[in-house]
Amino acid sequence: MTSALIGASRPEQVEDCVGALKVLDFREAELAEIEYARESDINLWAASAER
């Protein structure tokens, strides 16, 4: 299970997190990329977290 933790310091961060609810289905390729990153301890979201 995956969830988003909202600890926003700017309103745009809240909007970005809420926007994630617009797409609740993942394609097989997306799921494979997420699983690969999880198994390889890669943070796919590091760049967006730094914004």
Protein backbone atom coordinates (compact mmCIF):
# COMPACT_ATOMS: atom_id res chain seq x y z
CA MET A 1 0.00 0.00 0.00
CA THR A 2 1.22 3.50 -0.78
CA SER A 3 -0.04 6.78 0.57
CA ALA A 4 0.85 10.43 0.33
CA LEU A 5 1.86 12.35 3.40
CA ILE A 6 0.98 16.00 3.14
CA GLY A 7 3.26 18.30 5.05
CA ALA A 8 3.05 21.30 2.80
CA SER A 9 4.85 24.54 3.30
CA ARG A 10 3.24 26.11 0.22
CA PRO A 11 -0.32 25.92 -1.18
CA GLU A 12 1.05 24.57 -4.47
CA GLN A 13 2.28 21.47 -2.66
CA VAL A 14 -1.22 20.73 -1.37
CA GLU A 15 -2.64 21.22 -4.87
CA ASP A 16 -0.03 18.83 -6.27
CA CYS A 17 -0.91 16.14 -3.70
CA VAL A 18 -4.65 16.51 -4.28
CA GLY A 19 -4.02 16.39 -8.03
CA ALA A 20 -2.65 12.87 -7.60
CA LEU A 21 -6.22 11.72 -6.95
CA LYS A 22 -7.14 12.45 -10.56
CA VAL A 23 -5.38 9.29 -11.73
CA LEU A 24 -5.99 6.23 -9.60
CA ASP A 25 -5.11 3.55 -12.17
CA PHE A 26 -1.53 2.74 -13.13
CA ARG A 27 -0.42 1.11 -16.36
CA GLU A 28 1.62 -2.10 -16.07
CA ALA A 29 4.77 -0.22 -17.16
CA GLU A 30 4.27 2.36 -14.40
CA LEU A 31 3.77 -0.34 -11.79
CA ALA A 32 6.91 -2.11 -12.99
CA GLU A 33 8.93 1.10 -12.72
CA ILE A 34 7.65 1.74 -9.20
CA GLU A 35 8.43 -1.84 -8.16
CA TYR A 36 11.93 -1.66 -9.67
CA ALA A 37 12.62 1.59 -7.82
CA ARG A 38 11.32 0.14 -4.57
CA GLU A 39 13.45 -2.98 -4.87
CA SER A 40 16.52 -0.93 -5.87
CA ASP A 41 15.99 1.67 -3.10
CA ILE A 42 15.65 4.45 -5.69
CA ASN A 43 13.64 7.56 -4.75
CA LEU A 44 11.66 8.39 -7.91
CA TRP A 45 10.16 11.43 -6.22
CA ALA A 46 13.33 13.08 -4.87
CA ALA A 47 13.34 15.81 -7.53
CA SER A 48 9.71 16.77 -6.99
CA ALA A 49 10.20 16.74 -3.22
CA GLU A 50 12.99 19.29 -3.54
CA ARG A 51 10.77 21.84 -5.29
